C-alpha atoms as a PDB file:
ATOM      1  CA  MET A   1     204.125  37.146  39.060  1.00  0.00           C
ATOM      2  CA  ARG A   2     202.930  40.512  40.703  1.00  0.00           C
ATOM      3  CA  ALA A   3     205.215  42.428  38.270  1.00  0.00           C
ATOM      4  CA  MET A   4     203.644  40.638  35.211  1.00  0.00           C
ATOM      5  CA  ARG A   5     200.092  41.454  36.588  1.00  0.00           C
ATOM      6  CA  ARG A   6     201.199  45.166  36.786  1.00  0.00           C
ATOM      7  CA  LYS A   7     202.560  45.382  33.487  1.00  0.00           C
ATOM      8  CA  ALA A   8     199.647  43.209  31.900  1.00  0.00           C
ATOM      9  CA  PHE A   9     196.849  45.488  33.577  1.00  0.00           C
ATOM     10  CA  PRO A  10     198.293  48.785  34.318  1.00  0.00           C
ATOM     11  CA  TRP A  11     194.961  50.250  34.879  1.00  0.00           C
ATOM     12  CA  GLN A  12     194.425  48.143  38.041  1.00  0.00           C
ATOM     13  CA  ASP A  13     197.199  50.218  39.680  1.00  0.00           C
ATOM     14  CA  LEU A  14     194.876  53.272  40.915  1.00  0.00           C
ATOM     15  CA  GLY A  15     197.480  54.257  43.233  1.00  0.00           C
ATOM     16  CA  THR A  16     199.892  55.718  40.639  1.00  0.00           C
ATOM     17  CA  PRO A  17     200.217  59.534  40.564  1.00  0.00           C
ATOM     18  CA  ALA A  18     199.394  59.982  36.927  1.00  0.00           C
ATOM     19  CA  ILE A  19     196.107  58.034  37.201  1.00  0.00           C
ATOM     20  CA  MET A  20     195.069  60.008  40.616  1.00  0.00           C
ATOM     21  CA  THR A  21     195.804  63.211  38.661  1.00  0.00           C
ATOM     22  CA  THR A  22     193.560  62.219  35.783  1.00  0.00           C
ATOM     23  CA  LYS A  23     190.743  61.303  38.389  1.00  0.00           C
ATOM     24  CA  ARG A  24     191.011  64.448  39.897  1.00  0.00           C
ATOM     25  CA  ARG A  25     190.572  66.299  36.691  1.00  0.00           C
ATOM     26  CA  LEU A  26     187.672  64.288  35.980  1.00  0.00           C
ATOM     27  CA  LEU A  27     186.212  65.117  39.201  1.00  0.00           C
ATOM     28  CA  VAL A  28     186.724  68.677  38.848  1.00  0.00           C
ATOM     29  CA  THR A  29     185.352  68.887  35.432  1.00  0.00           C
ATOM     30  CA  SER A  30     182.348  67.050  36.582  1.00  0.00           C
ATOM     31  CA  ALA A  31     181.790  69.446  39.307  1.00  0.00           C
ATOM     32  CA  PHE A  32     181.976  72.345  37.103  1.00  0.00           C
ATOM     33  CA  VAL A  33     179.428  70.980  34.488  1.00  0.00           C
ATOM     34  CA  LEU A  34     177.210  70.143  37.326  1.00  0.00           C
ATOM     35  CA  SER A  35     177.222  73.460  38.753  1.00  0.00           C
ATOM     36  CA  THR A  36     176.738  75.072  35.569  1.00  0.00           C
ATOM     37  CA  PHE A  37     173.639  73.070  34.749  1.00  0.00           C
ATOM     38  CA  LEU A  38     172.143  73.703  38.328  1.00  0.00           C
ATOM     39  CA  GLY A  39     172.840  77.522  37.784  1.00  0.00           C
ATOM     40  CA  ALA A  40     171.178  77.231  34.281  1.00  0.00           C
ATOM     41  CA  SER A  41     168.441  75.425  35.709  1.00  0.00           C
ATOM     42  CA  LEU A  42     167.683  77.695  38.561  1.00  0.00           C
ATOM     43  CA  ASN A  43     166.810  80.448  36.305  1.00  0.00           C
ATOM     44  CA  THR A  44     164.465  78.521  33.938  1.00  0.00           C
ATOM     45  CA  PRO A  45     160.867  79.675  33.697  1.00  0.00           C
ATOM     46  CA  ALA A  46     159.541  76.539  35.447  1.00  0.00           C
ATOM     47  CA  LEU A  47     161.197  77.260  38.660  1.00  0.00           C
ATOM     48  CA  ALA A  48     161.082  81.264  38.207  1.00  0.00           C
ATOM     49  CA  ASN A  49     157.198  80.682  38.237  1.00  0.00           C
ATOM     50  CA  ASN A  50     157.268  78.142  41.146  1.00  0.00           C
ATOM     51  CA  LYS A  51     154.662  80.321  43.029  1.00  0.00           C
ATOM     52  CA  ALA A  52     152.241  79.840  40.088  1.00  0.00           C
ATOM     53  CA  HIS A  53     152.387  75.939  40.734  1.00  0.00           C
ATOM     54  CA  HIS A  54     151.683  76.168  44.524  1.00  0.00           C
ATOM     55  CA  GLY A  55     148.994  79.167  44.564  1.00  0.00           C
ATOM     56  CA  ALA A  56     145.317  79.070  44.284  1.00  0.00           C
ATOM     57  CA  GLU A  57     142.876  81.112  42.125  1.00  0.00           C
ATOM     58  CA  SER A  58     138.974  81.515  41.535  1.00  0.00           C
ATOM     59  CA  SER A  59     136.630  83.890  40.189  1.00  0.00           C
ATOM     60  CA  VAL A  60     133.015  84.982  40.183  1.00  0.00           C
ATOM     61  CA  VAL A  61     130.832  87.470  38.224  1.00  0.00           C
ATOM     62  CA  ILE A  62     129.060  90.306  40.364  1.00  0.00           C
ATOM     63  CA  GLU A  63     126.270  92.088  39.328  1.00  0.00           C
ATOM     64  CA  GLY A  64     127.882  95.640  39.838  1.00  0.00           C
ATOM     65  CA  SER A  65     130.437  98.007  38.137  1.00  0.00           C
ATOM     66  CA  PRO A  66     134.035  97.598  38.471  1.00  0.00           C
ATOM     67  CA  GLN A  67     133.833 100.853  40.559  1.00  0.00           C
ATOM     68  CA  ALA A  68     131.290  99.426  42.892  1.00  0.00           C
ATOM     69  CA  VAL A  69     133.383  96.241  43.316  1.00  0.00           C
ATOM     70  CA  PHE A  70     136.553  98.090  43.648  1.00  0.00           C
ATOM     71  CA  GLU A  71     135.079 100.067  46.625  1.00  0.00           C
ATOM     72  CA  ALA A  72     133.592  97.212  48.244  1.00  0.00           C
ATOM     73  CA  ILE A  73     136.979  95.600  48.307  1.00  0.00           C
ATOM     74  CA  GLN A  74     138.190  98.641  49.911  1.00  0.00           C
ATOM     75  CA  ALA A  75     135.198  98.733  52.556  1.00  0.00           C
ATOM     76  CA  SER A  76     135.875  95.006  53.198  1.00  0.00           C
ATOM     77  CA  ARG A  77     138.947  96.034  55.085  1.00  0.00           C
ATOM     78  CA  ILE A  78     136.907  97.031  58.156  1.00  0.00           C
ATOM     79  CA  LYS A  79     133.733  94.759  57.569  1.00  0.00           C
ATOM     80  CA  GLU A  80     135.238  91.945  59.503  1.00  0.00           C
ATOM     81  CA  PRO A  81     137.047  93.398  62.545  1.00  0.00           C
ATOM     82  CA  HIS A  82     137.571  89.967  64.014  1.00  0.00           C
ATOM     83  CA  ARG A  83     139.708  89.152  61.028  1.00  0.00           C
ATOM     84  CA  ARG A  84     141.510  92.234  59.898  1.00  0.00           C
ATOM     85  CA  LYS A  85     142.377  95.664  60.912  1.00  0.00           C
ATOM     86  CA  LEU A  86     143.029  98.667  58.546  1.00  0.00           C
ATOM     87  CA  VAL A  87     146.376 100.192  60.014  1.00  0.00           C
ATOM     88  CA  SER A  88     146.714 102.977  57.235  1.00  0.00           C
ATOM     89  CA  HIS A  89     145.501 104.094  53.971  1.00  0.00           C
ATOM     90  CA  HIS A  90     147.451 106.941  52.120  1.00  0.00           C
ATOM     91  CA  GLU A  91     146.682 107.585  48.420  1.00  0.00           C
ATOM     92  CA  ASN A  92     146.621 104.114  46.721  1.00  0.00           C
ATOM     93  CA  VAL A  93     148.464 102.055  49.282  1.00  0.00           C
ATOM     94  CA  ALA A  94     146.787 100.528  52.319  1.00  0.00           C
ATOM     95  CA  LEU A  95     148.415  98.498  55.190  1.00  0.00           C
ATOM     96  CA  ILE A  96     146.346  95.761  56.813  1.00  0.00           C
ATOM     97  CA  GLU A  97     146.689  93.392  59.603  1.00  0.00           C
ATOM     98  CA  GLU A  98     144.916  90.151  59.286  1.00  0.00           C
ATOM     99  CA  HIS A  99     144.473  87.265  61.654  1.00  0.00           C
ATOM    100  CA  PHE A 100     144.266  83.814  60.126  1.00  0.00           C
ATOM    101  CA  SER A 101     142.864  81.042  62.228  1.00  0.00           C
ATOM    102  CA  GLU A 102     142.721  77.193  61.762  1.00  0.00           C
ATOM    103  CA  LEU A 103     145.427  77.286  59.307  1.00  0.00           C
ATOM    104  CA  PRO A 104     146.773  73.732  58.302  1.00  0.00           C
ATOM    105  CA  LEU A 105     149.897  72.869  60.063  1.00  0.00           C
ATOM    106  CA  ILE A 106     150.616  76.162  61.768  1.00  0.00           C
ATOM    107  CA  GLY A 107     147.289  76.735  63.485  1.00  0.00           C
ATOM    108  CA  SER A 108     146.798  80.549  63.746  1.00  0.00           C
ATOM    109  CA  ALA A 109     148.942  83.430  62.428  1.00  0.00           C
ATOM    110  CA  CYS A 110     148.983  87.116  62.084  1.00  0.00           C
ATOM    111  CA  CYS A 111     150.137  88.773  58.959  1.00  0.00           C
ATOM    112  CA  THR A 112     150.778  92.489  58.087  1.00  0.00           C
ATOM    113  CA  TYR A 113     150.428  93.071  54.241  1.00  0.00           C
ATOM    114  CA  ARG A 114     150.322  95.923  51.859  1.00  0.00           C
ATOM    115  CA  GLU A 115     147.792  96.631  49.216  1.00  0.00           C
ATOM    116  CA  VAL A 116     148.448  98.720  46.073  1.00  0.00           C
ATOM    117  CA  GLU A 117     145.575  99.948  44.318  1.00  0.00           C
ATOM    118  CA  THR A 118     145.014 100.418  40.653  1.00  0.00           C
ATOM    119  CA  PRO A 119     141.643 102.062  40.661  1.00  0.00           C
ATOM    120  CA  TYR A 120     138.757  99.902  39.254  1.00  0.00           C
ATOM    121  CA  LYS A 121     141.234  97.478  37.752  1.00  0.00           C
ATOM    122  CA  ARG A 122     143.232  95.549  40.507  1.00  0.00           C
ATOM    123  CA  ILE A 123     144.595  95.633  43.958  1.00  0.00           C
ATOM    124  CA  ASP A 124     147.845  93.719  44.376  1.00  0.00           C
ATOM    125  CA  PHE A 125     148.944  92.756  47.953  1.00  0.00           C
ATOM    126  CA  SER A 126     152.114  91.469  49.548  1.00  0.00           C
ATOM    127  CA  MET A 127     153.335  90.510  52.949  1.00  0.00           C
ATOM    128  CA  VAL A 128     155.161  92.957  55.236  1.00  0.00           C
ATOM    129  CA  THR A 129     155.876  90.862  58.032  1.00  0.00           C
ATOM    130  CA  SER A 130     154.586  87.463  59.925  1.00  0.00           C
ATOM    131  CA  GLU A 131     155.762  85.425  62.527  1.00  0.00           C
ATOM    132  CA  LYS A 132     154.635  82.191  60.873  1.00  0.00           C
ATOM    133  CA  LEU A 133     154.364  82.959  57.152  1.00  0.00           C
ATOM    134  CA  LYS A 134     157.245  83.066  54.928  1.00  0.00           C
ATOM    135  CA  SER A 135     155.112  84.589  52.067  1.00  0.00           C
ATOM    136  CA  PHE A 136     151.678  85.924  51.360  1.00  0.00           C
ATOM    137  CA  GLU A 137     150.838  87.583  48.153  1.00  0.00           C
ATOM    138  CA  GLY A 138     148.421  87.799  45.399  1.00  0.00           C
ATOM    139  CA  ALA A 139     145.921  90.105  43.536  1.00  0.00           C
ATOM    140  CA  TRP A 140     142.237  91.080  42.851  1.00  0.00           C
ATOM    141  CA  ILE A 141     141.735  91.443  39.364  1.00  0.00           C
ATOM    142  CA  LEU A 142     138.519  93.307  37.957  1.00  0.00           C
ATOM    143  CA  THR A 143     137.264  92.732  34.497  1.00  0.00           C
ATOM    144  CA  PRO A 144     134.248  94.638  32.954  1.00  0.00           C
ATOM    145  CA  VAL A 145     131.516  92.198  31.628  1.00  0.00           C
ATOM    146  CA  GLY A 146     129.223  93.348  28.780  1.00  0.00           C
ATOM    147  CA  ASN A 147     128.350  96.874  29.085  1.00  0.00           C
ATOM    148  CA  GLY A 148     130.208  97.252  32.260  1.00  0.00           C
ATOM    149  CA  GLU A 149     127.344  96.730  34.689  1.00  0.00           C
ATOM    150  CA  ARG A 150     128.707  93.342  35.828  1.00  0.00           C
ATOM    151  CA  THR A 151     132.309  92.489  36.739  1.00  0.00           C
ATOM    152  CA  GLU A 152     134.218  89.377  36.759  1.00  0.00           C
ATOM    153  CA  VAL A 153     136.382  89.367  39.993  1.00  0.00           C
ATOM    154  CA  THR A 154     139.481  86.965  40.126  1.00  0.00           C
ATOM    155  CA  LEU A 155     141.431  86.614  43.241  1.00  0.00           C
ATOM    156  CA  ASN A 156     144.734  84.792  43.364  1.00  0.00           C
ATOM    157  CA  THR A 157     146.760  83.879  46.393  1.00  0.00           C
ATOM    158  CA  PHE A 158     150.130  82.505  47.045  1.00  0.00           C
ATOM    159  CA  SER A 159     150.966  81.691  50.831  1.00  0.00           C
ATOM    160  CA  GLU A 160     153.718  79.815  52.209  1.00  0.00           C
ATOM    161  CA  PRO A 161     154.607  78.864  55.970  1.00  0.00           C
ATOM    162  CA  LYS A 162     157.809  79.143  57.311  1.00  0.00           C
ATOM    163  CA  ILE A 163     158.214  75.426  58.538  1.00  0.00           C
ATOM    164  CA  PHE A 164     158.620  72.802  55.748  1.00  0.00           C
ATOM    165  CA  LEU A 165     156.784  69.619  56.046  1.00  0.00           C
ATOM    166  CA  PRO A 166     156.252  66.923  53.291  1.00  0.00           C
ATOM    167  CA  PHE A 167     152.989  67.871  51.229  1.00  0.00           C
ATOM    168  CA  ALA A 168     152.709  71.312  52.866  1.00  0.00           C
ATOM    169  CA  ASN A 169     152.215  73.217  49.715  1.00  0.00           C
ATOM    170  CA  GLN A 170     149.179  70.806  48.697  1.00  0.00           C
ATOM    171  CA  VAL A 171     147.719  71.061  52.065  1.00  0.00           C
ATOM    172  CA  ALA A 172     148.105  74.928  52.053  1.00  0.00           C
ATOM    173  CA  CYS A 173     146.697  75.377  48.789  1.00  0.00           C
ATOM    174  CA  SER A 174     143.496  73.635  49.586  1.00  0.00           C
ATOM    175  CA  SER A 175     143.095  76.023  52.468  1.00  0.00           C
ATOM    176  CA  ILE A 176     144.043  78.929  50.477  1.00  0.00           C
ATOM    177  CA  LEU A 177     141.389  78.267  47.831  1.00  0.00           C
ATOM    178  CA  LYS A 178     138.633  77.703  50.512  1.00  0.00           C
ATOM    179  CA  ASP A 179     139.548  81.288  51.996  1.00  0.00           C
ATOM    180  CA  ILE A 180     139.366  82.615  48.454  1.00  0.00           C
ATOM    181  CA  ARG A 181     135.922  81.352  47.886  1.00  0.00           C
ATOM    182  CA  ARG A 182     134.917  82.785  51.195  1.00  0.00           C
ATOM    183  CA  ARG A 183     136.085  86.203  50.416  1.00  0.00           C
ATOM    184  CA  LEU A 184     134.681  86.079  46.828  1.00  0.00           C
ATOM    185  CA  GLU A 185     131.119  85.070  48.133  1.00  0.00           C
ATOM    186  CA  ASN A 186     131.300  87.815  50.728  1.00  0.00           C
ATOM    187  CA  LEU A 187     132.337  90.385  48.177  1.00  0.00           C
ATOM    188  CA  LYS A 188     129.484  89.291  45.942  1.00  0.00           C
ATOM    189  CA  SER A 189     126.864  89.582  48.790  1.00  0.00           C
ATOM    190  CA  TRP A 190     128.181  93.032  50.022  1.00  0.00           C
ATOM    191  CA  VAL A 191     127.801  94.473  46.321  1.00  0.00           C
ATOM    192  CA  GLU A 192     124.514  92.920  45.360  1.00  0.00           C
ATOM    193  CA  THR A 193     122.737  93.285  48.883  1.00  0.00           C
ATOM    194  CA  PRO A 194     120.657  96.602  48.637  1.00  0.00           C
ATOM    195  CA  ASP A 195     121.544  97.980  51.899  1.00  0.00           C
ATOM    196  CA  HIS A 196     125.298  96.408  51.892  1.00  0.00           C
ATOM    197  CA  ARG A 197     124.817  94.988  55.501  1.00  0.00           C
ATOM    198  CA  SER A 198     128.079  93.647  56.984  1.00  0.00           C
ATOM    199  CA  ILE A 199     128.773  89.938  57.106  1.00  0.00           C
ATOM    200  CA  ALA A 200     129.330  90.513  60.687  1.00  0.00           C
ATOM    201  CA  SER A 201     125.646  91.464  61.265  1.00  0.00           C
ATOM    202  CA  ARG A 202     124.420  88.182  59.502  1.00  0.00           C
ATOM    203  CA  PRO A 203     126.309  85.245  61.414  1.00  0.00           C
ATOM    204  CA  HIS A 204     124.470  82.510  59.260  1.00  0.00           C
ATOM    205  CA  PHE A 205     125.600  83.999  55.828  1.00  0.00           C
ATOM    206  CA  GLU A 206     128.281  81.442  55.305  1.00  0.00           C
ATOM    207  CA  ALA A 207     125.820  78.633  55.962  1.00  0.00           C
ATOM    208  CA  ASN A 208     123.137  80.296  53.487  1.00  0.00           C
ATOM    209  CA  CYS A 209     125.237  81.542  50.727  1.00  0.00           C
ATOM    210  CA  SER A 210     123.967  79.136  48.002  1.00  0.00           C
ATOM    211  CA  GLU A 211     123.118  81.971  45.523  1.00  0.00           C
ATOM    212  CA  ALA A 212     126.711  83.380  45.684  1.00  0.00           C
ATOM    213  CA  THR A 213     128.162  79.758  45.401  1.00  0.00           C
ATOM    214  CA  LYS A 214     126.115  79.280  42.234  1.00  0.00           C
ATOM    215  CA  ALA A 215     127.519  82.233  40.648  1.00  0.00           C
ATOM    216  CA  THR A 216     131.022  81.160  41.385  1.00  0.00           C
ATOM    217  CA  ASN A 217     132.524  79.715  38.115  1.00  0.00           C
ATOM    218  CA  ASN A 218     134.598  76.879  37.536  1.00  0.00           C
ATOM    219  CA  SER A 219     137.762  78.397  36.920  1.00  0.00           C
ATOM    220  CA  ASP A 220     138.997  77.506  40.575  1.00  0.00           C
ATOM    221  CA  LYS A 221     142.888  76.578  40.216  1.00  0.00           C
ATOM    222  CA  CYS A 222     144.953  74.885  42.792  1.00  0.00           C
ATOM    223  CA  PRO A 223     147.744  73.117  40.928  1.00  0.00           C
ATOM    224  CA  ASP A 224     149.289  69.984  42.361  1.00  0.00           C
END
Protein backbone atom coordinates (compact mmCIF):
# COMPACT_ATOMS: atom_id res chain seq x y z
CA MET A 1 0.00 0.00 0.00
CA ARG A 2 2.83 2.35 0.87
CA ALA A 3 4.60 1.46 -2.37
CA MET A 4 1.45 2.19 -4.35
CA ARG A 5 1.11 5.58 -2.67
CA ARG A 6 4.70 6.49 -3.54
CA LYS A 7 4.17 5.40 -7.12
CA ALA A 8 0.85 7.22 -7.45
CA PHE A 9 2.06 10.42 -5.74
CA PRO A 10 5.83 10.69 -6.22
CA TRP A 11 5.83 14.41 -5.40
CA GLN A 12 4.93 13.57 -1.79
CA ASP A 13 8.35 12.08 -1.21
CA LEU A 14 10.19 15.37 -0.53
CA GLY A 15 13.15 13.53 0.88
CA THR A 16 14.51 12.21 -2.44
CA PRO A 17 17.83 13.69 -3.65
CA ALA A 18 16.38 14.82 -6.98
CA ILE A 19 13.60 16.86 -5.39
CA MET A 20 15.93 18.32 -2.73
CA THR A 21 18.32 19.46 -5.46
CA THR A 22 15.47 21.14 -7.28
CA LYS A 23 14.43 22.92 -4.09
CA ARG A 24 17.98 24.19 -3.56
CA ARG A 25 18.08 25.54 -7.08
CA LEU A 26 14.81 27.35 -6.55
CA LEU A 27 16.06 28.84 -3.28
CA VAL A 28 19.34 30.02 -4.83
CA THR A 29 17.52 31.50 -7.82
CA SER A 30 15.01 33.27 -5.58
CA ALA A 31 17.80 34.66 -3.39
CA PHE A 32 19.66 35.97 -6.45
CA VAL A 33 16.55 37.65 -7.87
CA LEU A 34 15.74 39.20 -4.49
CA SER A 35 19.27 40.54 -3.99
CA THR A 36 19.31 41.97 -7.51
CA PHE A 37 15.96 43.68 -6.91
CA LEU A 38 17.09 45.15 -3.60
CA GLY A 39 20.35 46.34 -5.10
CA ALA A 40 18.49 48.16 -7.85
CA SER A 41 15.99 49.60 -5.40
CA LEU A 42 18.70 51.11 -3.20
CA ASN A 43 19.85 53.17 -6.17
CA THR A 44 16.44 54.55 -7.06
CA PRO A 45 15.87 58.33 -6.86
CA ALA A 46 13.23 57.84 -4.16
CA LEU A 47 15.79 56.39 -1.73
CA ALA A 48 18.69 58.45 -2.98
CA ASN A 49 16.69 61.56 -2.12
CA ASN A 50 15.55 60.17 1.22
CA LYS A 51 16.86 63.29 3.01
CA ALA A 52 14.46 65.47 1.05
CA HIS A 53 11.57 63.62 2.65
CA HIS A 54 12.80 64.12 6.21
CA GLY A 55 14.19 67.67 6.03
CA ALA A 56 12.42 70.99 6.52
CA GLU A 57 12.36 74.25 4.59
CA SER A 58 10.93 77.73 4.92
CA SER A 59 11.35 81.11 3.22
CA VAL A 60 10.99 84.80 4.00
CA VAL A 61 11.28 88.01 1.95
CA ILE A 62 13.62 90.57 3.49
CA GLU A 63 13.83 94.28 2.71
CA GLY A 64 17.51 94.27 1.80
CA SER A 65 19.88 93.39 -1.01
CA PRO A 66 21.38 89.90 -1.33
CA GLN A 67 24.73 91.36 -0.24
CA ALA A 68 23.20 92.87 2.93
CA VAL A 69 21.45 89.59 3.75
CA PHE A 70 24.57 87.53 3.01
CA GLU A 71 26.67 89.69 5.33
CA ALA A 72 23.98 89.47 8.03
CA ILE A 73 24.14 85.66 7.87
CA GLN A 74 27.91 85.90 8.31
CA ALA A 75 27.46 88.28 11.26
CA SER A 76 24.90 85.95 12.87
CA ARG A 77 27.74 83.56 13.69
CA ILE A 78 28.70 85.80 16.61
CA LYS A 79 25.37 87.45 17.41
CA GLU A 80 24.13 84.68 19.71
CA PRO A 81 27.16 83.58 21.75
CA HIS A 82 24.98 81.43 23.99
CA ARG A 83 24.06 79.36 20.92
CA ARG A 84 27.07 79.33 18.61
CA LYS A 85 30.75 80.14 18.34
CA LEU A 86 32.80 80.96 15.27
CA VAL A 87 35.82 78.68 15.43
CA SER A 88 37.51 79.86 12.24
CA HIS A 89 36.84 81.69 8.98
CA HIS A 90 39.27 81.37 6.08
CA GLU A 91 38.43 82.64 2.59
CA ASN A 92 34.90 81.30 1.95
CA VAL A 93 34.83 78.54 4.56
CA ALA A 94 33.73 79.00 8.17
CA LEU A 95 33.85 76.46 10.99
CA ILE A 96 31.14 76.87 13.60
CA GLU A 97 30.38 75.18 16.89
CA GLU A 98 26.72 75.33 17.91
CA HIS A 99 24.84 74.16 20.98
CA PHE A 100 21.29 72.91 20.43
CA SER A 101 19.02 72.71 23.47
CA GLU A 102 15.68 71.01 24.05
CA LEU A 103 15.96 68.75 21.04
CA PRO A 104 13.21 66.11 20.86
CA LEU A 105 14.23 62.64 21.98
CA ILE A 106 17.90 63.51 22.68
CA GLY A 107 17.70 66.68 24.81
CA SER A 108 20.72 68.86 24.04
CA ALA A 109 23.58 68.38 21.61
CA CYS A 110 26.73 70.09 20.46
CA CYS A 111 27.57 70.13 16.76
CA THR A 112 30.54 71.42 14.81
CA TYR A 113 29.75 72.17 11.18
CA ARG A 114 31.31 73.79 8.13
CA GLU A 115 29.74 76.62 6.11
CA VAL A 116 30.86 77.07 2.50
CA GLU A 117 30.01 80.48 1.05
CA THR A 118 29.06 81.41 -2.49
CA PRO A 119 29.00 85.21 -2.05
CA TYR A 120 25.58 86.82 -2.20
CA LYS A 121 23.94 83.63 -3.54
CA ARG A 122 24.06 80.83 -0.98
CA ILE A 123 25.78 79.30 2.04
CA ASP A 124 25.90 75.51 2.32
CA PHE A 125 26.56 73.84 5.65
CA SER A 126 27.41 70.27 6.64
CA MET A 127 28.31 68.56 9.90
CA VAL A 128 31.90 67.83 10.84
CA THR A 129 31.33 66.15 14.19
CA SER A 130 28.69 65.67 16.90
CA GLU A 131 28.28 63.26 19.80
CA LYS A 132 24.52 62.88 19.33
CA LEU A 133 23.73 63.84 15.73
CA LYS A 134 24.29 61.53 12.81
CA SER A 135 23.74 64.27 10.26
CA PHE A 136 23.20 68.04 10.13
CA GLU A 137 23.26 69.81 6.77
CA GLY A 138 21.42 72.27 4.58
CA ALA A 139 21.71 75.65 2.86
CA TRP A 140 20.80 79.32 2.92
CA ILE A 141 19.66 80.29 -0.59
CA LEU A 142 19.38 83.98 -1.56
CA THR A 143 17.22 85.05 -4.52
CA PRO A 144 16.94 88.73 -5.59
CA VAL A 145 13.39 90.06 -5.76
CA GLY A 146 12.32 92.88 -8.07
CA ASN A 147 15.16 95.30 -8.68
CA GLY A 148 17.39 93.54 -6.17
CA GLU A 149 16.54 95.72 -3.18
CA ARG A 150 14.65 92.81 -1.63
CA THR A 151 15.76 89.23 -1.14
CA GLU A 152 13.90 85.96 -0.77
CA VAL A 153 15.80 83.83 1.73
CA THR A 154 15.19 80.09 1.80
CA LEU A 155 16.66 77.96 4.56
CA ASN A 156 16.53 74.18 4.32
CA THR A 157 17.90 71.79 6.93
CA PHE A 158 18.21 68.05 7.34
CA SER A 159 19.12 66.65 10.75
CA GLU A 160 19.19 63.08 12.03
CA PRO A 161 19.92 61.82 15.55
CA LYS A 162 22.21 58.85 16.07
CA ILE A 163 19.58 56.96 18.02
CA PHE A 164 16.71 55.23 16.24
CA LEU A 165 13.19 55.54 17.56
CA PRO A 166 9.77 55.18 15.88
CA PHE A 167 8.53 58.47 14.37
CA ALA A 168 11.88 60.11 15.19
CA ASN A 169 12.07 61.77 11.77
CA GLN A 170 8.61 63.29 12.03
CA VAL A 171 9.27 64.68 15.50
CA ALA A 172 12.69 65.98 14.49
CA CYS A 173 11.25 67.64 11.38
CA SER A 174 8.79 69.66 13.45
CA SER A 175 11.59 70.84 15.74
CA ILE A 176 13.83 71.72 12.78
CA LEU A 177 11.08 73.77 11.14
CA LYS A 178 10.58 75.74 14.36
CA ASP A 179 14.31 76.51 14.50
CA ILE A 180 14.35 77.50 10.81
CA ARG A 181 11.55 80.00 11.38
CA ARG A 182 13.40 81.45 14.38
CA ARG A 183 16.58 81.91 12.33
CA LEU A 184 14.72 83.55 9.45
CA GLU A 185 12.83 85.90 11.77
CA ASN A 186 16.06 86.87 13.51
CA LEU A 187 17.80 87.45 10.18
CA LYS A 188 14.94 89.62 8.93
CA SER A 189 15.04 91.74 12.07
CA TRP A 190 18.83 92.14 11.91
CA VAL A 191 18.72 93.33 8.29
CA GLU A 192 15.64 95.55 8.54
CA THR A 193 16.36 97.11 11.96
CA PRO A 194 18.22 100.42 11.30
CA ASP A 195 20.78 100.01 14.08
CA HIS A 196 21.15 96.24 13.51
CA ARG A 197 20.97 95.56 17.23
CA SER A 198 21.71 92.04 18.40
CA ILE A 199 18.90 89.74 19.41
CA ALA A 200 20.86 89.12 22.60
CA SER A 201 20.25 92.75 23.61
CA ARG A 202 16.50 92.38 23.03
CA PRO A 203 15.38 89.39 25.13
CA HIS A 204 11.72 89.93 24.30
CA PHE A 205 12.23 89.78 20.54
CA GLU A 206 10.92 86.27 20.03
CA ALA A 207 7.76 87.11 21.95
CA ASN A 208 7.17 90.22 19.84
CA CYS A 209 8.15 89.28 16.32
CA SER A 210 4.70 89.53 14.75
CA GLU A 211 5.91 91.69 11.87
CA ALA A 212 8.60 89.21 10.94
CA THR A 213 6.14 86.36 11.27
CA LYS A 214 3.68 88.09 8.91
CA ALA A 215 6.41 88.37 6.29
CA THR A 216 7.14 84.65 6.37
CA ASN A 217 5.47 83.07 3.35
CA ASN A 218 3.57 79.80 3.17
CA SER A 219 6.37 77.80 1.60
CA ASP A 220 7.20 75.90 4.79
CA LYS A 221 7.99 72.30 3.98
CA CYS A 222 8.12 69.46 6.44
CA PRO A 223 7.19 66.28 4.53
CA ASP A 224 5.73 63.32 6.35
